[in-house]
Every structure is written in C-alpha cells, then in structure tokens.
C-alpha cells in the first residue's frame, strides 16, 4: 500500500512521513474520488486530520465510503462526474481499517499484520506444537483478506504454502476448493518455508550493514534569524551561514559564510570588498543584489557554499563541536530569502541543511581517522 506513494506533513518543524491511497468520500449525497492520506503518527487526512479512532467512525458513518450504491452520483472534482453502474468494491469498513492500521505500522518500521504472521510461522517451525500452529493460523487470519495473497511476496504461489502450513495435514484452508490438506502437500509447504529461510539467511549474510536508512536523532530546525554578534554559547544558531564567525578565504577575511558567499557571487572587485566589509549579512546581501552577478553563478553556488562551510568548521573548532553534536539529525534550514537554500515549511529545497549534513559527515570521518 505504501509503495512509491510517499508524502509528508510538518508538525513543530518535524516531517511526519505519510502515504496515500484513493478513496471515496460521501459528502452531500455525492461520492467524491479523492486521496486518503495516512501519516506515521496515526493521523489520517480524509478531508481533515482525524485520529485512527475518529477514522473508524468516519468509516462506520459512510463518510469514507466502502459501499457504492447503484446509480450513486460520483465526482472527481473538476475532472469528471458520473453515476455508478454495477459498482463492485472489495472493501468493507473492517478491511479498509485493517489496511490503514497496517500502513501506520509500516510507516513506523514496525511489523504489520503480515510481519506478525510470518514471525508466528517462524515460532511454529521452531517448535511444531498445535498451540503454535493455532497461533500462526490466527495471525494469518488477522492479515486483511485483501493482502493475504501478497504475504510471501511470491507472485507464482501467492499465499498457498502459508495457507497449507497453518491449516496442517487434514485441515481445510480458507477458500479451499479441493480435498483436505494431504501429508504430501503439507511436507511441501514445510520444505518451502525451510528453503525460504535458508535463502533469506544467505542473502542477509551477503549484504553488509550500512547503518540506518533514516536518522535516529530528532530533526534540528534552524529557524531564520539575523545573529549580529558572536556569543560564548550560541547553540545551534551558530550553524547558520549568517552567524558572525569570520573565515579566511584566499587571504581575505569575511565576517561570516554569508559575507563570503555574497562577495564571491559578484564579479566586481570593488563591490566584493564592500560586501566583505559590510556590517551585517543583510547588508552584504543587499549590496550583492544591486551588483552584477558572476556569470554562471547559479551553477557554481553549491560548490562555493560547501567550500565556505568546510572553511568555517575547519577554522572554528568550537562550532564544529556544535555541528557534530547534532549526531545524524536531519538539519532543516529556513531561509526566508531563498527557497533554494531554505526548507521553508517544506516549500524549499533545503540545500543549506543538506550541505551542513555533508560537512558534518566529513567531520565525523576525520575524527574516526577515515579521511
């Protein structure tokens, strides 16, 4: 259900990952085809953010519709309008709710109903008691019926080996049209899972652990500010490019990374000197805005910025410690003047934050003696 449909919303400066699926919302007698957005913190957007319990109420009331009546009026907003003719839907409120709960588990990296079933199967295979089989069977039935065929990720056999295993010899799996499970069919299912476990173990042994895919430290939000003077304990404001920490670039001293950046953005030596001597980063930016920009600057600016950030943290060990102390946190950098450098409530590209994370990684590598 998640697949490539990845989105997010922001809460207190933190990105909350989410995904979406199509759904019908019944409003005023019309069924609107829309997106149902599910977030990792358990909130669901169905024309307004609701908790999982409130979402269940929306399902039970028909606001989020799973029953599509013959002749019902439908709309895709400004795209199309139509009436249902012989509508068919595979969902009930219970099934859709179960899939949404699974999605929230997946977004949080927790085992969903499929993961819990496969874990119960491992327990059964390690200790083949009827009690453990019954637990695995119950875990299988807890998977939404719409998702069971995908439980093994085997598009050839679907979930047949799983159904046979949890039913056991002489059992009748759900929606089974043949004879009860034979001993031969059961043994084949056991062999299937044993071979599957071997392949998974072999694959895991060949893949080097490369660390977490996502940060374990909470995101750090570097709000837009105009720091005017250096202080003894600046905290994370020192990570901003306009924080007054002088840097030497090619024998010229600049009051901050921002001063150096704007000076290098213009091609007139006199203006460069004036920018370098500006009282504040705001004044430096204004001088640069009134001058001719260096040709090709937009293509070179990221390389210039990473060079300046490296110089800042190489020349100021105390500020490097502040950057290192952010661990592996996502650095969300706001810049009201630039959607390129700033994140700006998710509307910008956050390149300043990304480059800070790169410099931080380089500092960690230096400290570890890797480079």
Protein backbone atom coordinates (compact mmCIF):
# COMPACT_ATOMS: atom_id res chain seq x y z
CA UNK A 1 0.00 0.00 0.00
CA UNK A 2 2.91 2.35 0.60
CA UNK A 3 4.98 1.64 -2.50
CA UNK A 4 6.21 4.85 -4.10
CA UNK A 5 3.37 6.97 -2.78
CA UNK A 6 5.39 8.89 -0.24
CA UNK A 7 4.44 12.27 1.16
CA UNK A 8 4.75 14.10 4.47
CA UNK A 9 3.37 16.91 6.54
CA UNK A 10 5.18 19.12 9.05
CA UNK A 11 4.37 19.34 12.75
CA UNK A 12 6.51 21.52 15.02
CA UNK A 13 9.16 21.63 12.33
CA UNK A 14 9.34 17.83 12.10
CA UNK A 15 8.50 15.97 8.91
CA UNK A 16 5.87 13.30 9.51
CA UNK A 17 6.09 10.73 6.70
CA UNK A 18 2.95 9.50 5.07
CA UNK A 19 1.43 7.78 2.08
CA UNK A 20 -1.89 7.86 0.32
CA UNK A 21 -4.46 5.74 -1.47
CA UNK A 22 -7.58 6.51 -3.43
CA UNK A 23 -10.91 6.54 -1.62
CA UNK A 24 -14.44 7.82 -1.99
CA UNK A 25 -15.76 10.39 0.46
CA UNK A 26 -19.53 10.80 0.58
CA UNK A 27 -20.50 14.41 1.08
CA UNK A 28 -23.92 15.87 0.42
CA UNK A 29 -25.12 12.75 -1.38
CA UNK A 30 -22.19 12.73 -3.83
CA UNK A 31 -19.24 10.32 -3.74
CA UNK A 32 -16.01 12.23 -4.31
CA UNK A 33 -12.95 10.32 -5.55
CA UNK A 34 -10.06 11.70 -3.51
CA UNK A 35 -6.85 10.80 -1.72
CA UNK A 36 -6.87 9.26 1.75
CA UNK A 37 -3.55 10.28 3.34
CA UNK A 38 -2.16 8.19 6.22
CA UNK A 39 0.66 9.53 8.42
CA UNK A 40 3.15 7.75 10.65
CA UNK A 41 1.85 9.47 13.79
CA UNK A 42 -1.53 7.78 13.30
CA UNK A 43 -3.41 10.74 11.85
CA UNK A 44 -5.42 10.26 8.66
CA UNK A 45 -6.48 13.04 6.31
CA UNK A 46 -9.96 12.34 4.97
CA UNK A 47 -10.85 15.95 4.24
CA UNK A 48 -9.48 16.87 7.65
CA UNK A 49 -7.00 15.23 10.01
CA UNK A 50 -8.52 12.61 12.32
CA UNK A 51 -7.18 10.00 14.72
CA UNK A 52 -7.46 6.31 13.94
CA UNK A 53 -10.50 6.03 16.24
CA UNK A 54 -12.15 9.01 14.57
CA UNK A 55 -11.32 7.50 11.20
CA UNK A 56 -13.15 4.32 12.20
CA UNK A 57 -16.19 6.45 12.99
CA UNK A 58 -15.90 8.08 9.55
CA UNK A 59 -15.92 4.60 8.03
CA UNK A 60 -18.89 3.40 10.06
CA UNK A 61 -20.88 6.52 9.18
CA UNK A 62 -20.13 6.18 5.47
CA UNK A 63 -18.22 9.47 5.22
CA UNK A 64 -15.32 7.37 3.93
CA UNK A 65 -17.38 5.15 1.66
CA UNK A 66 -16.87 1.45 1.02
CA UNK A 67 -20.46 0.80 -0.10
CA UNK A 68 -21.07 2.31 -3.54
CA UNK A 69 -24.76 2.16 -4.49
CA UNK A 70 -26.11 1.52 -7.95
CA UNK A 71 -26.86 4.89 -9.56
CA UNK A 72 -24.93 6.82 -6.95
CA UNK A 73 -23.56 10.16 -8.13
CA UNK A 74 -19.78 10.36 -8.23
CA UNK A 75 -17.31 13.16 -8.92
CA UNK A 76 -13.58 13.53 -9.42
CA UNK A 77 -13.87 17.22 -8.58
CA UNK A 78 -13.20 19.24 -11.78
CA UNK A 79 -12.05 16.21 -13.78
CA UNK A 80 -15.23 14.18 -14.32
CA UNK A 81 -18.67 13.27 -12.98
CA UNK A 82 -20.60 10.04 -13.43
CA UNK A 83 -23.11 7.61 -11.93
CA UNK A 84 -22.22 4.17 -10.63
CA UNK A 85 -23.38 1.27 -12.80
CA UNK A 86 -22.94 -2.23 -11.37
CA UNK A 87 -20.36 -0.98 -8.84
CA UNK A 88 -18.06 -3.53 -7.26
CA UNK A 89 -15.76 -2.91 -4.32
CA UNK A 90 -13.53 -5.34 -2.45
CA UNK A 91 -13.53 -3.30 0.74
CA UNK A 92 -15.63 -3.31 3.85
CA UNK A 93 -15.07 -0.81 6.67
CA UNK A 94 -13.24 -3.55 8.60
CA UNK A 95 -10.88 -4.37 5.72
CA UNK A 96 -10.02 -0.75 4.95
CA UNK A 97 -9.43 0.00 8.64
CA UNK A 98 -7.15 -3.03 8.92
CA UNK A 99 -5.13 -1.92 5.88
CA UNK A 100 -4.78 1.60 7.31
CA UNK A 101 -3.54 0.18 10.63
CA UNK A 102 -1.00 -1.93 8.71
CA UNK A 103 0.13 1.16 6.82
CA UNK A 104 0.77 3.07 10.04
CA UNK A 105 2.86 0.15 11.30
CA UNK A 106 4.87 0.11 8.07
CA UNK A 107 5.47 3.86 8.16
CA UNK A 108 6.92 3.42 11.65
CA UNK A 109 9.09 0.45 10.69
CA UNK A 110 7.04 -1.91 12.88
CA UNK A 111 5.87 -5.37 11.83
CA UNK A 112 2.42 -5.15 10.29
CA UNK A 113 -0.10 -7.99 10.32
CA UNK A 114 1.88 -9.83 7.63
CA UNK A 115 5.11 -9.43 9.58
CA UNK A 116 3.45 -10.68 12.75
CA UNK A 117 2.07 -13.70 10.90
CA UNK A 118 5.46 -14.63 9.46
CA UNK A 119 7.02 -14.26 12.91
CA UNK A 120 4.38 -16.64 14.28
CA UNK A 121 5.19 -19.08 11.48
CA UNK A 122 8.87 -18.99 12.49
CA UNK A 123 7.89 -19.84 16.06
CA UNK A 124 5.79 -22.76 14.82
CA UNK A 125 8.55 -24.13 12.59
CA UNK A 126 10.98 -23.99 15.50
CA UNK A 127 8.55 -25.78 17.83
CA UNK A 128 5.79 -27.59 15.93
CA UNK A 129 3.10 -27.83 18.55
CA UNK A 130 -0.58 -27.50 17.76
CA UNK A 131 -0.70 -24.47 20.03
CA UNK A 132 1.93 -22.71 17.94
CA UNK A 133 0.17 -23.74 14.73
CA UNK A 134 -3.09 -22.29 16.03
CA UNK A 135 -1.30 -19.03 16.87
CA UNK A 136 0.16 -18.89 13.34
CA UNK A 137 -3.28 -19.64 11.89
CA UNK A 138 -4.87 -16.84 13.91
CA UNK A 139 -2.08 -14.47 12.81
CA UNK A 140 -2.75 -15.40 9.18
CA UNK A 141 -6.46 -14.64 9.56
CA UNK A 142 -5.52 -11.26 11.12
CA UNK A 143 -3.98 -10.21 7.79
CA UNK A 144 -6.59 -8.23 5.82
CA UNK A 145 -8.12 -10.60 3.28
CA UNK A 146 -7.16 -8.18 0.53
CA UNK A 147 -3.46 -8.54 1.45
CA UNK A 148 -3.09 -12.26 2.24
CA UNK A 149 -2.07 -13.33 -1.25
CA UNK A 150 0.91 -10.95 -1.06
CA UNK A 151 2.11 -12.16 2.35
CA UNK A 152 5.01 -14.23 1.00
CA UNK A 153 5.95 -11.86 -1.81
CA UNK A 154 5.72 -14.84 -4.17
CA UNK A 155 3.68 -13.94 -7.22
CA UNK A 156 3.78 -17.51 -8.52
CA UNK A 157 2.50 -19.40 -5.47
CA UNK A 158 0.78 -16.47 -3.81
CA UNK A 159 -0.03 -17.49 -0.20
CA UNK A 160 -0.78 -21.15 -0.91
CA UNK A 161 2.22 -22.54 1.11
CA UNK A 162 1.23 -20.35 4.04
CA UNK A 163 -2.40 -21.45 3.95
CA UNK A 164 -1.40 -25.11 3.79
CA UNK A 165 1.13 -24.80 6.61
CA UNK A 166 -1.23 -23.13 9.09
CA UNK A 167 -4.10 -25.47 8.22
CA UNK A 168 -1.96 -28.59 8.77
CA UNK A 169 -2.48 -32.16 7.49
CA UNK A 170 -6.18 -32.91 7.18
CA UNK A 171 -7.11 -29.24 7.54
CA UNK A 172 -9.16 -27.13 5.14
CA UNK A 173 -7.59 -23.74 4.41
CA UNK A 174 -9.82 -20.69 3.91
CA UNK A 175 -11.49 -20.52 0.48
CA UNK A 176 -10.14 -24.00 -0.33
CA UNK A 177 -11.96 -25.83 -3.11
CA UNK A 178 -10.07 -29.13 -3.01
CA UNK A 179 -9.62 -32.04 -0.66
CA UNK A 180 -8.24 -31.55 2.87
CA UNK A 181 -4.51 -30.89 3.04
CA UNK A 182 -2.58 -34.10 2.42
CA UNK A 183 0.61 -35.04 4.22
CA UNK A 184 2.48 -34.66 0.95
CA UNK A 185 1.14 -31.11 0.39
CA UNK A 186 1.96 -30.24 3.99
CA UNK A 187 5.53 -31.55 3.65
CA UNK A 188 5.96 -29.47 0.50
CA UNK A 189 4.84 -26.38 2.42
CA UNK A 190 7.30 -27.10 5.23
CA UNK A 191 10.09 -27.53 2.65
CA UNK A 192 9.06 -24.26 1.03
CA UNK A 193 9.46 -22.35 4.30
CA UNK A 194 12.72 -24.07 5.18
CA UNK A 195 14.19 -23.16 1.79
CA UNK A 196 12.80 -19.63 2.10
CA UNK A 197 14.51 -19.24 5.49
CA UNK A 198 17.79 -20.52 4.03
CA UNK A 199 17.65 -18.06 1.13
CA UNK A 200 16.84 -15.15 3.45
CA UNK A 201 19.71 -16.06 5.77
CA UNK A 202 22.10 -16.41 2.84
CA UNK A 203 21.05 -13.06 1.40
CA UNK A 204 21.45 -11.35 4.77
CA UNK A 205 24.95 -12.77 5.19
CA UNK A 206 26.00 -11.29 1.85
CA UNK A 207 24.72 -7.76 2.49
CA UNK A 208 26.94 -5.51 4.56
CA UNK A 209 25.20 -3.46 7.22
CA UNK A 210 25.47 0.17 6.14
CA UNK A 211 23.72 1.88 9.01
CA UNK A 212 20.20 3.17 9.44
CA UNK A 213 18.27 4.39 6.43
CA UNK A 214 16.80 7.26 8.42
CA UNK A 215 18.20 9.42 11.24
CA UNK A 216 17.76 8.22 14.79
CA UNK A 217 18.27 11.72 16.24
CA UNK A 218 15.33 14.17 16.19
CA UNK A 219 15.40 16.70 13.37
CA UNK A 220 17.05 20.03 14.14
CA UNK A 221 15.22 23.11 12.88
CA UNK A 222 17.48 26.10 12.15
CA UNK A 223 14.97 28.92 12.09
CA UNK A 224 15.66 32.06 10.07
CA UNK A 225 17.39 34.65 12.19
CA UNK A 226 19.80 37.56 11.88
CA UNK A 227 22.52 36.99 14.50
CA UNK A 228 24.53 40.21 14.79
CA UNK A 229 27.36 39.28 17.13
CA UNK A 230 29.20 36.22 18.32
CA UNK A 231 28.36 34.93 21.81
CA UNK A 232 30.02 32.44 24.16
CA UNK A 233 27.28 29.82 23.96
CA UNK A 234 25.42 30.33 20.66
CA UNK A 235 23.80 26.92 20.49
CA UNK A 236 22.53 25.77 17.12
CA UNK A 237 22.17 29.33 15.80
CA UNK A 238 25.94 29.08 15.21
CA UNK A 239 25.17 26.64 12.38
CA UNK A 240 23.53 29.36 10.32
CA UNK A 241 25.53 30.79 7.45
CA UNK A 242 24.97 34.34 8.69
CA UNK A 243 26.32 33.62 12.18
CA UNK A 244 29.28 36.03 12.72
CA UNK A 245 32.17 33.58 12.59
CA UNK A 246 34.94 35.05 10.45
CA UNK A 247 36.59 32.86 7.82
CA UNK A 248 39.72 33.32 5.75
CA UNK A 249 39.30 32.54 2.05
CA UNK A 250 42.28 33.15 -0.16
CA UNK A 251 43.83 35.60 2.26
CA UNK A 252 40.65 37.67 2.61
CA UNK A 253 38.78 37.68 5.92
CA UNK A 254 34.99 37.64 5.79
CA UNK A 255 32.73 38.24 8.79
CA UNK A 256 30.60 35.17 8.06
CA UNK A 257 29.94 32.49 5.48
CA UNK A 258 27.13 34.69 4.14
CA UNK A 259 29.54 37.63 3.64
CA UNK A 260 31.92 35.39 1.69
CA UNK A 261 29.13 33.82 -0.32
CA UNK A 262 27.69 37.14 -1.46
CA UNK A 263 31.11 38.63 -2.17
CA UNK A 264 32.02 35.70 -4.40
CA UNK A 265 28.69 35.94 -6.21
CA UNK A 266 29.65 39.22 -7.92
CA UNK A 267 32.43 39.86 -10.41
CA UNK A 268 33.40 43.43 -9.47
CA UNK A 269 36.41 43.62 -7.08
CA UNK A 270 35.27 46.92 -5.56
CA UNK A 271 31.83 45.52 -4.75
CA UNK A 272 33.43 42.34 -3.40
CA UNK A 273 35.48 44.42 -0.96
CA UNK A 274 32.41 46.40 0.09
CA UNK A 275 30.44 43.23 0.73
CA UNK A 276 33.30 41.77 2.77
CA UNK A 277 33.32 44.91 4.93
CA UNK A 278 29.50 45.09 5.36
CA UNK A 279 28.28 45.41 8.96
CA UNK A 280 25.70 42.63 8.66
CA UNK A 281 24.92 39.71 6.39
CA UNK A 282 21.69 41.50 5.42
CA UNK A 283 23.71 44.48 4.21
CA UNK A 284 26.06 42.12 2.37
CA UNK A 285 23.15 40.51 0.58
CA UNK A 286 21.70 43.87 -0.39
CA UNK A 287 24.99 45.00 -1.90
CA UNK A 288 25.19 41.80 -3.91
CA UNK A 289 21.62 42.21 -5.13
CA UNK A 290 22.43 45.65 -6.50
CA UNK A 291 25.53 44.43 -8.37
CA UNK A 292 26.10 42.29 -11.47
CA UNK A 293 26.08 38.63 -10.61
CA UNK A 294 29.00 36.49 -11.69
CA UNK A 295 28.23 34.60 -14.90
CA UNK A 296 27.18 31.00 -14.25
CA UNK A 297 26.74 31.65 -10.51
CA UNK A 298 23.58 29.55 -10.18
CA UNK A 299 25.53 26.52 -11.42
CA UNK A 300 28.51 27.11 -9.14
CA UNK A 301 26.83 28.30 -5.93
CA UNK A 302 26.50 24.88 -4.27
CA UNK A 303 30.21 24.16 -4.75
CA UNK A 304 31.06 27.61 -3.37
CA UNK A 305 28.84 27.09 -0.34
CA UNK A 306 30.32 23.69 0.56
CA UNK A 307 33.81 25.19 0.28
CA UNK A 308 32.84 28.03 2.64
CA UNK A 309 31.17 25.69 5.15
CA UNK A 310 34.25 23.46 5.22
CA UNK A 311 36.39 26.51 5.92
CA UNK A 312 34.07 27.68 8.71
CA UNK A 313 34.18 24.43 10.65
CA UNK A 314 37.87 23.83 9.97
CA UNK A 315 38.71 27.30 11.32
CA UNK A 316 36.34 27.22 14.31
CA UNK A 317 36.73 24.01 16.32
CA UNK A 318 34.09 25.09 18.85
CA UNK A 319 31.49 25.47 16.11
CA UNK A 320 32.49 22.13 14.63
CA UNK A 321 31.62 20.56 18.00
CA UNK A 322 28.15 22.12 17.84
CA UNK A 323 27.64 20.65 14.37
CA UNK A 324 28.93 17.22 15.43
CA UNK A 325 26.61 17.26 18.44
CA UNK A 326 23.60 17.13 16.09
CA UNK A 327 24.56 13.47 15.54
CA UNK A 328 22.73 12.21 12.44
CA UNK A 329 19.73 14.53 12.72
CA UNK A 330 18.08 15.96 9.63
CA UNK A 331 19.00 19.65 9.55
CA UNK A 332 16.01 21.70 8.48
CA UNK A 333 17.32 25.12 7.44
CA UNK A 334 14.91 28.02 6.97
CA UNK A 335 15.81 30.94 4.71
CA UNK A 336 13.02 33.43 4.10
CA UNK A 337 15.01 34.90 1.21
CA UNK A 338 15.77 31.68 -0.67
CA UNK A 339 13.68 28.61 -1.47
CA UNK A 340 16.89 27.04 -2.78
CA UNK A 341 18.84 27.21 0.49
CA UNK A 342 15.88 27.04 2.88
CA UNK A 343 13.31 24.35 3.64
CA UNK A 344 10.68 26.99 4.41
CA UNK A 345 7.91 24.74 5.73
CA UNK A 346 8.52 22.15 3.06
CA UNK A 347 8.25 24.57 0.15
CA UNK A 348 12.01 24.96 -0.35
CA UNK A 349 14.87 22.60 -1.28
CA UNK A 350 16.84 22.87 1.99
CA UNK A 351 20.26 22.82 0.30
CA UNK A 352 21.85 24.67 3.22
CA UNK A 353 20.69 21.91 5.54
CA UNK A 354 21.88 19.19 3.18
CA UNK A 355 25.35 20.68 2.81
CA UNK A 356 25.66 21.10 6.56
CA UNK A 357 24.88 17.39 6.91
CA UNK A 358 27.61 16.62 4.36
CA UNK A 359 30.19 18.70 6.24
CA UNK A 360 29.11 17.02 9.48
CA UNK A 361 29.70 13.62 7.89
CA UNK A 362 33.16 14.73 6.77
CA UNK A 363 33.97 15.89 10.31
CA UNK A 364 32.87 12.50 11.67
CA UNK A 365 35.05 10.76 9.09
CA UNK A 366 38.05 12.91 10.06
CA UNK A 367 37.50 12.19 13.73
CA UNK A 368 37.32 8.46 13.00
CA UNK A 369 40.56 8.63 11.03
CA UNK A 370 38.86 7.50 7.83
CA UNK A 371 39.97 10.51 5.76
